[in-house]
């Protein structure tokens, strides 16, 4: 493992062994398929049940909620 390079960037967490403090792996974060589907369903419901003027406000609220909840994982989820 001494020859491997670990990069630190958005949506990547370095995992370390608590006892040895050795960096053992990296976790690449992304939004699950279920999370993407829930967001898509919510937006579809907003589009079908809202007037045009309310769609913008509801879209902004949904997008802020998505980014707040998933934060770093959204960056590497191409479906979003």
N, C-alpha and C. Protein backbone atom coordinates (compact mmCIF):
# COMPACT_ATOMS: atom_id res chain seq x y z
N UNK A 1 0.80 -1.20 0.00
CA UNK A 1 0.00 0.00 0.00
C UNK A 1 0.84 1.26 0.00
N UNK A 2 2.09 1.16 0.27
CA UNK A 2 2.90 2.36 0.38
C UNK A 2 3.06 3.08 -0.95
N UNK A 3 2.90 2.38 -2.08
CA UNK A 3 3.06 3.01 -3.38
C UNK A 3 1.78 3.63 -3.91
N UNK A 4 0.65 3.39 -3.27
CA UNK A 4 -0.62 3.91 -3.76
C UNK A 4 -0.82 5.35 -3.31
N UNK A 5 -1.44 6.12 -4.19
CA UNK A 5 -1.76 7.51 -3.87
C UNK A 5 -3.24 7.64 -3.57
N UNK A 6 -3.56 8.32 -2.52
CA UNK A 6 -4.95 8.59 -2.16
C UNK A 6 -5.20 10.07 -2.41
N UNK A 7 -6.26 10.36 -3.14
CA UNK A 7 -6.60 11.76 -3.40
C UNK A 7 -7.73 12.18 -2.47
N UNK A 8 -7.71 13.43 -2.09
CA UNK A 8 -8.76 13.99 -1.24
C UNK A 8 -9.52 15.01 -2.07
N UNK A 9 -10.77 14.71 -2.38
CA UNK A 9 -11.59 15.61 -3.17
C UNK A 9 -13.03 15.49 -2.72
N UNK A 10 -13.91 16.30 -3.32
CA UNK A 10 -15.32 16.27 -2.97
C UNK A 10 -15.91 14.90 -3.23
N UNK A 11 -16.79 14.47 -2.37
CA UNK A 11 -17.53 13.20 -2.48
C UNK A 11 -16.64 11.98 -2.31
N UNK A 12 -15.46 12.15 -1.71
CA UNK A 12 -14.58 11.02 -1.42
C UNK A 12 -14.17 11.12 0.04
N UNK A 13 -14.43 10.06 0.78
CA UNK A 13 -14.03 10.02 2.18
C UNK A 13 -12.91 9.01 2.34
N UNK A 14 -11.86 9.40 3.05
CA UNK A 14 -10.79 8.47 3.38
C UNK A 14 -11.18 7.70 4.64
N UNK A 15 -11.07 6.38 4.56
CA UNK A 15 -11.40 5.52 5.69
C UNK A 15 -10.11 5.08 6.36
N UNK A 16 -10.05 5.25 7.68
CA UNK A 16 -8.83 4.90 8.41
C UNK A 16 -9.13 3.91 9.52
N UNK A 17 -8.13 3.11 9.82
CA UNK A 17 -8.21 2.17 10.93
C UNK A 17 -7.99 2.98 12.21
N UNK A 18 -8.93 2.91 13.13
CA UNK A 18 -8.85 3.72 14.36
C UNK A 18 -7.65 3.34 15.23
N UNK A 19 -7.28 2.08 15.22
CA UNK A 19 -6.18 1.65 16.09
C UNK A 19 -4.82 2.02 15.52
N UNK A 20 -4.63 1.80 14.23
CA UNK A 20 -3.32 2.05 13.63
C UNK A 20 -3.22 3.43 12.97
N UNK A 21 -4.36 4.09 12.80
CA UNK A 21 -4.45 5.39 12.12
C UNK A 21 -3.99 5.29 10.66
N UNK A 22 -3.96 4.09 10.12
CA UNK A 22 -3.58 3.88 8.73
C UNK A 22 -4.79 4.10 7.82
N UNK A 23 -4.58 4.80 6.73
CA UNK A 23 -5.63 5.00 5.74
C UNK A 23 -5.78 3.70 4.96
N UNK A 24 -6.95 3.09 5.05
CA UNK A 24 -7.14 1.77 4.47
C UNK A 24 -7.95 1.75 3.19
N UNK A 25 -8.79 2.74 2.96
CA UNK A 25 -9.65 2.74 1.78
C UNK A 25 -10.24 4.13 1.56
N UNK A 26 -10.92 4.26 0.44
CA UNK A 26 -11.67 5.47 0.15
C UNK A 26 -13.10 5.09 -0.18
N UNK A 27 -14.04 5.90 0.27
CA UNK A 27 -15.45 5.69 -0.04
C UNK A 27 -15.88 6.80 -1.00
N UNK A 28 -16.43 6.41 -2.14
CA UNK A 28 -16.91 7.36 -3.13
C UNK A 28 -18.41 7.52 -2.94
N UNK A 29 -18.84 8.72 -2.59
CA UNK A 29 -20.23 8.98 -2.25
C UNK A 29 -21.05 9.28 -3.50
N UNK A 30 -22.28 8.78 -3.52
CA UNK A 30 -23.24 9.13 -4.57
C UNK A 30 -24.63 8.93 -4.01
N UNK A 31 -25.61 9.53 -4.64
CA UNK A 31 -27.00 9.38 -4.23
C UNK A 31 -27.50 8.03 -4.72
N UNK A 32 -28.22 7.31 -3.88
CA UNK A 32 -28.74 5.99 -4.27
C UNK A 32 -29.80 6.13 -5.35
N UNK A 33 -30.04 5.04 -6.06
CA UNK A 33 -31.08 5.04 -7.09
C UNK A 33 -32.45 5.35 -6.49
N UNK A 34 -32.70 4.85 -5.27
CA UNK A 34 -33.97 5.15 -4.59
C UNK A 34 -34.10 6.64 -4.31
N UNK A 35 -33.02 7.27 -3.89
CA UNK A 35 -33.04 8.71 -3.63
C UNK A 35 -33.31 9.51 -4.90
N UNK A 36 -32.69 9.10 -6.01
CA UNK A 36 -32.93 9.77 -7.29
C UNK A 36 -34.38 9.61 -7.70
N UNK A 37 -34.92 8.39 -7.55
CA UNK A 37 -36.31 8.13 -7.94
C UNK A 37 -37.29 8.93 -7.07
N UNK A 38 -37.02 9.03 -5.77
CA UNK A 38 -37.88 9.82 -4.89
C UNK A 38 -37.89 11.29 -5.31
N UNK A 39 -36.72 11.82 -5.65
CA UNK A 39 -36.64 13.20 -6.11
C UNK A 39 -37.41 13.38 -7.41
N UNK A 40 -37.22 12.46 -8.35
CA UNK A 40 -37.94 12.54 -9.63
C UNK A 40 -39.45 12.48 -9.43
N UNK A 41 -39.90 11.59 -8.56
CA UNK A 41 -41.34 11.47 -8.28
C UNK A 41 -41.89 12.76 -7.66
N UNK A 42 -41.13 13.34 -6.75
CA UNK A 42 -41.56 14.58 -6.10
C UNK A 42 -41.69 15.70 -7.13
N UNK A 43 -40.71 15.83 -8.01
CA UNK A 43 -40.75 16.88 -9.03
C UNK A 43 -41.90 16.65 -10.00
N UNK A 44 -42.13 15.40 -10.37
CA UNK A 44 -43.25 15.09 -11.27
C UNK A 44 -44.58 15.48 -10.63
N UNK A 45 -44.72 15.21 -9.34
CA UNK A 45 -45.94 15.58 -8.63
C UNK A 45 -46.10 17.10 -8.59
N UNK A 46 -45.01 17.82 -8.35
CA UNK A 46 -45.06 19.28 -8.33
C UNK A 46 -45.51 19.81 -9.69
N UNK A 47 -44.96 19.27 -10.76
CA UNK A 47 -45.29 19.75 -12.10
C UNK A 47 -46.75 19.50 -12.47
N UNK A 48 -47.30 18.39 -12.00
CA UNK A 48 -48.67 18.04 -12.38
C UNK A 48 -49.72 18.68 -11.48
N UNK A 49 -49.35 19.10 -10.27
CA UNK A 49 -50.36 19.58 -9.34
C UNK A 49 -50.25 21.07 -9.01
N UNK A 50 -49.34 21.77 -9.63
CA UNK A 50 -49.13 23.17 -9.27
C UNK A 50 -49.39 24.09 -10.45
N UNK A 51 -49.73 25.33 -10.11
CA UNK A 51 -49.84 26.35 -11.15
C UNK A 51 -48.44 26.76 -11.57
N UNK A 52 -48.35 27.40 -12.71
CA UNK A 52 -47.05 27.77 -13.26
C UNK A 52 -46.24 28.64 -12.30
N UNK A 53 -46.89 29.58 -11.65
CA UNK A 53 -46.17 30.49 -10.76
C UNK A 53 -45.64 29.79 -9.51
N UNK A 54 -46.31 28.73 -9.07
CA UNK A 54 -45.88 28.02 -7.86
C UNK A 54 -44.79 26.99 -8.16
N UNK A 55 -44.66 26.58 -9.42
CA UNK A 55 -43.68 25.56 -9.77
C UNK A 55 -42.27 26.02 -9.44
N UNK A 56 -41.95 27.28 -9.74
CA UNK A 56 -40.61 27.80 -9.49
C UNK A 56 -40.26 27.73 -8.02
N UNK A 57 -41.16 28.18 -7.16
CA UNK A 57 -40.91 28.15 -5.72
C UNK A 57 -40.76 26.73 -5.21
N UNK A 58 -41.62 25.83 -5.67
CA UNK A 58 -41.55 24.44 -5.21
C UNK A 58 -40.30 23.76 -5.73
N UNK A 59 -39.88 24.08 -6.97
CA UNK A 59 -38.65 23.52 -7.53
C UNK A 59 -37.46 23.96 -6.68
N UNK A 60 -37.39 25.25 -6.38
CA UNK A 60 -36.28 25.77 -5.57
C UNK A 60 -36.25 25.11 -4.19
N UNK A 61 -37.40 24.94 -3.57
CA UNK A 61 -37.47 24.30 -2.26
C UNK A 61 -37.00 22.85 -2.34
N UNK A 62 -37.44 22.12 -3.37
CA UNK A 62 -37.03 20.72 -3.54
C UNK A 62 -35.54 20.61 -3.80
N UNK A 63 -34.99 21.50 -4.61
CA UNK A 63 -33.56 21.48 -4.92
C UNK A 63 -32.71 21.80 -3.69
N UNK A 64 -33.14 22.77 -2.91
CA UNK A 64 -32.42 23.10 -1.67
C UNK A 64 -32.47 21.92 -0.70
N UNK A 65 -33.62 21.26 -0.60
CA UNK A 65 -33.73 20.08 0.26
C UNK A 65 -32.83 18.96 -0.19
N UNK A 66 -32.76 18.73 -1.50
CA UNK A 66 -31.89 17.68 -2.05
C UNK A 66 -30.43 17.97 -1.73
N UNK A 67 -30.00 19.19 -1.97
CA UNK A 67 -28.61 19.56 -1.73
C UNK A 67 -28.27 19.53 -0.25
N UNK A 68 -29.20 19.92 0.60
CA UNK A 68 -28.96 19.90 2.04
C UNK A 68 -28.79 18.47 2.53
N UNK A 69 -29.63 17.57 2.05
CA UNK A 69 -29.62 16.19 2.53
C UNK A 69 -28.44 15.40 1.98
N UNK A 70 -28.17 15.55 0.69
CA UNK A 70 -27.14 14.72 0.06
C UNK A 70 -25.79 15.42 -0.09
N UNK A 71 -25.75 16.70 0.04
CA UNK A 71 -24.53 17.50 0.03
C UNK A 71 -23.48 17.03 -0.97
N UNK A 72 -22.43 16.36 -0.50
CA UNK A 72 -21.31 15.96 -1.34
C UNK A 72 -21.66 14.91 -2.37
N UNK A 73 -22.61 14.04 -2.07
CA UNK A 73 -22.92 12.92 -2.95
C UNK A 73 -23.53 13.36 -4.28
N UNK A 74 -24.16 14.52 -4.32
CA UNK A 74 -24.81 15.00 -5.55
C UNK A 74 -23.78 15.25 -6.64
N UNK A 75 -22.58 15.65 -6.27
CA UNK A 75 -21.54 16.00 -7.23
C UNK A 75 -21.23 14.84 -8.17
N UNK A 76 -21.16 13.64 -7.64
CA UNK A 76 -20.78 12.48 -8.44
C UNK A 76 -21.95 11.58 -8.79
N UNK A 77 -23.15 12.12 -8.85
CA UNK A 77 -24.32 11.35 -9.26
C UNK A 77 -24.79 11.93 -10.58
N UNK A 78 -24.39 11.29 -11.68
CA UNK A 78 -24.69 11.82 -13.01
C UNK A 78 -26.18 11.92 -13.29
N UNK A 79 -26.98 11.05 -12.69
CA UNK A 79 -28.42 11.06 -12.95
C UNK A 79 -29.09 12.35 -12.48
N UNK A 80 -28.49 13.03 -11.55
CA UNK A 80 -29.06 14.28 -11.05
C UNK A 80 -28.48 15.44 -11.83
